[in-house]
Amino acid sequence: MASGKPKKKNPRLASGRKRARQDVHLNAANTSLRSKYRTAVKNVEKAVLAGDKTKATELFAKMQTVVDSVSDKGIFHKNKAARDKSRLSAKVKTLATAA
């Protein structure tokens, strides 16, 4: 029976072969940036859940730069980046006022 994914054909033209090589490199770079974005957001959420105000504010500042740079490159939409920053900012602010 068939295994799941269809076998990819090799491009005939030299420009197509080059494009396939470039796609592998770009895919790896985009995957790395996507992972960096998600890790930065996750670290802030963990600090908020732990109730550590100083660590949360410190990680939030670092997270903002990561989120902005990744959204500028088009890995995630700018509105998603703004939404994530806004929601985390609200969580960090409530943590600061609660303490």
C-alpha atoms as a PDB file:
ATOM      1  CA  MET A   1       0.000   0.000   0.000  1.00  0.00           C
ATOM      2  CA  ALA A   2       0.920   3.669  -0.216  1.00  0.00           C
ATOM      3  CA  SER A   3       2.952   5.099   2.695  1.00  0.00           C
ATOM      4  CA  GLY A   4       1.306   8.479   3.425  1.00  0.00           C
ATOM      5  CA  LYS A   5       3.226  11.182   1.686  1.00  0.00           C
ATOM      6  CA  PRO A   6       3.674  11.124  -2.085  1.00  0.00           C
ATOM      7  CA  LYS A   7       7.256  10.997  -3.277  1.00  0.00           C
ATOM      8  CA  LYS A   8       8.577  14.397  -4.353  1.00  0.00           C
ATOM      9  CA  LYS A   9       9.928  14.683  -7.863  1.00  0.00           C
ATOM     10  CA  ASN A  10      13.251  16.333  -8.543  1.00  0.00           C
ATOM     11  CA  PRO A  11      12.995  19.536 -10.556  1.00  0.00           C
ATOM     12  CA  ARG A  12      14.432  19.370 -14.073  1.00  0.00           C
ATOM     13  CA  LEU A  13      15.566  22.933 -14.516  1.00  0.00           C
ATOM     14  CA  ALA A  14      18.644  24.218 -12.748  1.00  0.00           C
ATOM     15  CA  SER A  15      16.655  27.137 -11.347  1.00  0.00           C
ATOM     16  CA  GLY A  16      14.138  24.698  -9.877  1.00  0.00           C
ATOM     17  CA  ARG A  17      16.876  22.604  -8.293  1.00  0.00           C
ATOM     18  CA  LYS A  18      18.410  25.744  -6.782  1.00  0.00           C
ATOM     19  CA  ARG A  19      14.997  26.818  -5.478  1.00  0.00           C
ATOM     20  CA  ALA A  20      14.546  23.425  -3.814  1.00  0.00           C
ATOM     21  CA  ARG A  21      17.935  23.774  -2.116  1.00  0.00           C
ATOM     22  CA  GLN A  22      17.078  27.285  -0.934  1.00  0.00           C
ATOM     23  CA  ASP A  23      13.695  26.145   0.382  1.00  0.00           C
ATOM     24  CA  VAL A  24      15.356  23.623   2.686  1.00  0.00           C
ATOM     25  CA  HIS A  25      17.566  26.342   4.174  1.00  0.00           C
ATOM     26  CA  LEU A  26      14.739  28.883   4.501  1.00  0.00           C
ATOM     27  CA  ASN A  27      12.439  26.314   6.083  1.00  0.00           C
ATOM     28  CA  ALA A  28      15.077  25.535   8.723  1.00  0.00           C
ATOM     29  CA  ALA A  29      15.582  29.234   9.470  1.00  0.00           C
ATOM     30  CA  ASN A  30      11.846  29.903   9.736  1.00  0.00           C
ATOM     31  CA  THR A  31      11.340  26.881  12.001  1.00  0.00           C
ATOM     32  CA  SER A  32      14.084  28.119  14.303  1.00  0.00           C
ATOM     33  CA  LEU A  33      12.576  31.602  14.528  1.00  0.00           C
ATOM     34  CA  ARG A  34       9.082  30.201  15.120  1.00  0.00           C
ATOM     35  CA  SER A  35      10.452  28.083  17.967  1.00  0.00           C
ATOM     36  CA  LYS A  36      12.291  31.075  19.463  1.00  0.00           C
ATOM     37  CA  TYR A  37       9.057  33.124  19.406  1.00  0.00           C
ATOM     38  CA  ARG A  38       6.979  30.429  21.075  1.00  0.00           C
ATOM     39  CA  THR A  39       9.639  29.744  23.712  1.00  0.00           C
ATOM     40  CA  ALA A  40       9.854  33.438  24.634  1.00  0.00           C
ATOM     41  CA  VAL A  41       6.072  33.671  25.053  1.00  0.00           C
ATOM     42  CA  LYS A  42       5.954  30.426  27.026  1.00  0.00           C
ATOM     43  CA  ASN A  43       8.680  31.589  29.425  1.00  0.00           C
ATOM     44  CA  VAL A  44       6.740  34.744  30.294  1.00  0.00           C
ATOM     45  CA  GLU A  45       3.544  32.740  30.858  1.00  0.00           C
ATOM     46  CA  LYS A  46       5.405  30.341  33.177  1.00  0.00           C
ATOM     47  CA  ALA A  47       6.818  33.235  35.208  1.00  0.00           C
ATOM     48  CA  VAL A  48       3.338  34.788  35.519  1.00  0.00           C
ATOM     49  CA  LEU A  49       1.832  31.496  36.678  1.00  0.00           C
ATOM     50  CA  ALA A  50       4.643  31.100  39.203  1.00  0.00           C
ATOM     51  CA  GLY A  51       3.854  34.591  40.524  1.00  0.00           C
ATOM     52  CA  ASP A  52       7.416  35.876  40.108  1.00  0.00           C
ATOM     53  CA  LYS A  53       6.939  39.573  39.321  1.00  0.00           C
ATOM     54  CA  THR A  54      10.567  40.550  38.715  1.00  0.00           C
ATOM     55  CA  LYS A  55      11.310  37.566  36.501  1.00  0.00           C
ATOM     56  CA  ALA A  56       8.077  38.072  34.549  1.00  0.00           C
ATOM     57  CA  THR A  57       8.832  41.722  33.815  1.00  0.00           C
ATOM     58  CA  GLU A  58      12.410  40.895  32.823  1.00  0.00           C
ATOM     59  CA  LEU A  59      11.318  38.069  30.513  1.00  0.00           C
ATOM     60  CA  PHE A  60       8.533  40.233  29.087  1.00  0.00           C
ATOM     61  CA  ALA A  61      11.044  42.880  27.998  1.00  0.00           C
ATOM     62  CA  LYS A  62      13.143  40.228  26.236  1.00  0.00           C
ATOM     63  CA  MET A  63      10.040  38.640  24.737  1.00  0.00           C
ATOM     64  CA  GLN A  64       8.973  41.936  23.146  1.00  0.00           C
ATOM     65  CA  THR A  65      12.186  42.206  21.132  1.00  0.00           C
ATOM     66  CA  VAL A  66      11.953  38.589  19.968  1.00  0.00           C
ATOM     67  CA  VAL A  67       8.290  38.942  18.995  1.00  0.00           C
ATOM     68  CA  ASP A  68       8.902  42.186  17.103  1.00  0.00           C
ATOM     69  CA  SER A  69      11.867  40.847  15.165  1.00  0.00           C
ATOM     70  CA  VAL A  70      10.068  37.632  14.193  1.00  0.00           C
ATOM     71  CA  SER A  71       6.920  39.472  13.100  1.00  0.00           C
ATOM     72  CA  ASP A  72       9.000  41.943  11.067  1.00  0.00           C
ATOM     73  CA  LYS A  73      10.423  38.993   9.138  1.00  0.00           C
ATOM     74  CA  GLY A  74       6.921  37.778   8.369  1.00  0.00           C
ATOM     75  CA  ILE A  75       7.116  34.483  10.243  1.00  0.00           C
ATOM     76  CA  PHE A  76       4.018  35.418  12.245  1.00  0.00           C
ATOM     77  CA  HIS A  77       1.506  38.103  11.320  1.00  0.00           C
ATOM     78  CA  LYS A  78       2.033  41.484  12.953  1.00  0.00           C
ATOM     79  CA  ASN A  79      -1.457  41.380  14.453  1.00  0.00           C
ATOM     80  CA  LYS A  80      -0.723  38.044  16.147  1.00  0.00           C
ATOM     81  CA  ALA A  81       2.461  39.515  17.588  1.00  0.00           C
ATOM     82  CA  ALA A  82       0.586  42.576  18.856  1.00  0.00           C
ATOM     83  CA  ARG A  83      -2.150  40.375  20.350  1.00  0.00           C
ATOM     84  CA  ASP A  84       0.370  38.181  22.171  1.00  0.00           C
ATOM     85  CA  LYS A  85       2.243  41.207  23.534  1.00  0.00           C
ATOM     86  CA  SER A  86      -0.982  42.840  24.660  1.00  0.00           C
ATOM     87  CA  ARG A  87      -2.286  39.771  26.473  1.00  0.00           C
ATOM     88  CA  LEU A  88       1.010  39.079  28.207  1.00  0.00           C
ATOM     89  CA  SER A  89       1.377  42.732  29.151  1.00  0.00           C
ATOM     90  CA  ALA A  90      -2.020  42.603  30.842  1.00  0.00           C
ATOM     91  CA  LYS A  91      -1.050  39.444  32.736  1.00  0.00           C
ATOM     92  CA  VAL A  92       2.230  40.978  33.909  1.00  0.00           C
ATOM     93  CA  LYS A  93       0.438  44.180  34.994  1.00  0.00           C
ATOM     94  CA  THR A  94      -2.150  42.279  37.044  1.00  0.00           C
ATOM     95  CA  LEU A  95       0.702  40.364  38.667  1.00  0.00           C
ATOM     96  CA  ALA A  96       2.403  43.662  39.554  1.00  0.00           C
ATOM     97  CA  THR A  97      -0.759  45.183  41.051  1.00  0.00           C
ATOM     98  CA  ALA A  98      -1.624  42.024  42.976  1.00  0.00           C
ATOM     99  CA  ALA A  99       1.746  42.019  44.728  1.00  0.00           C
END
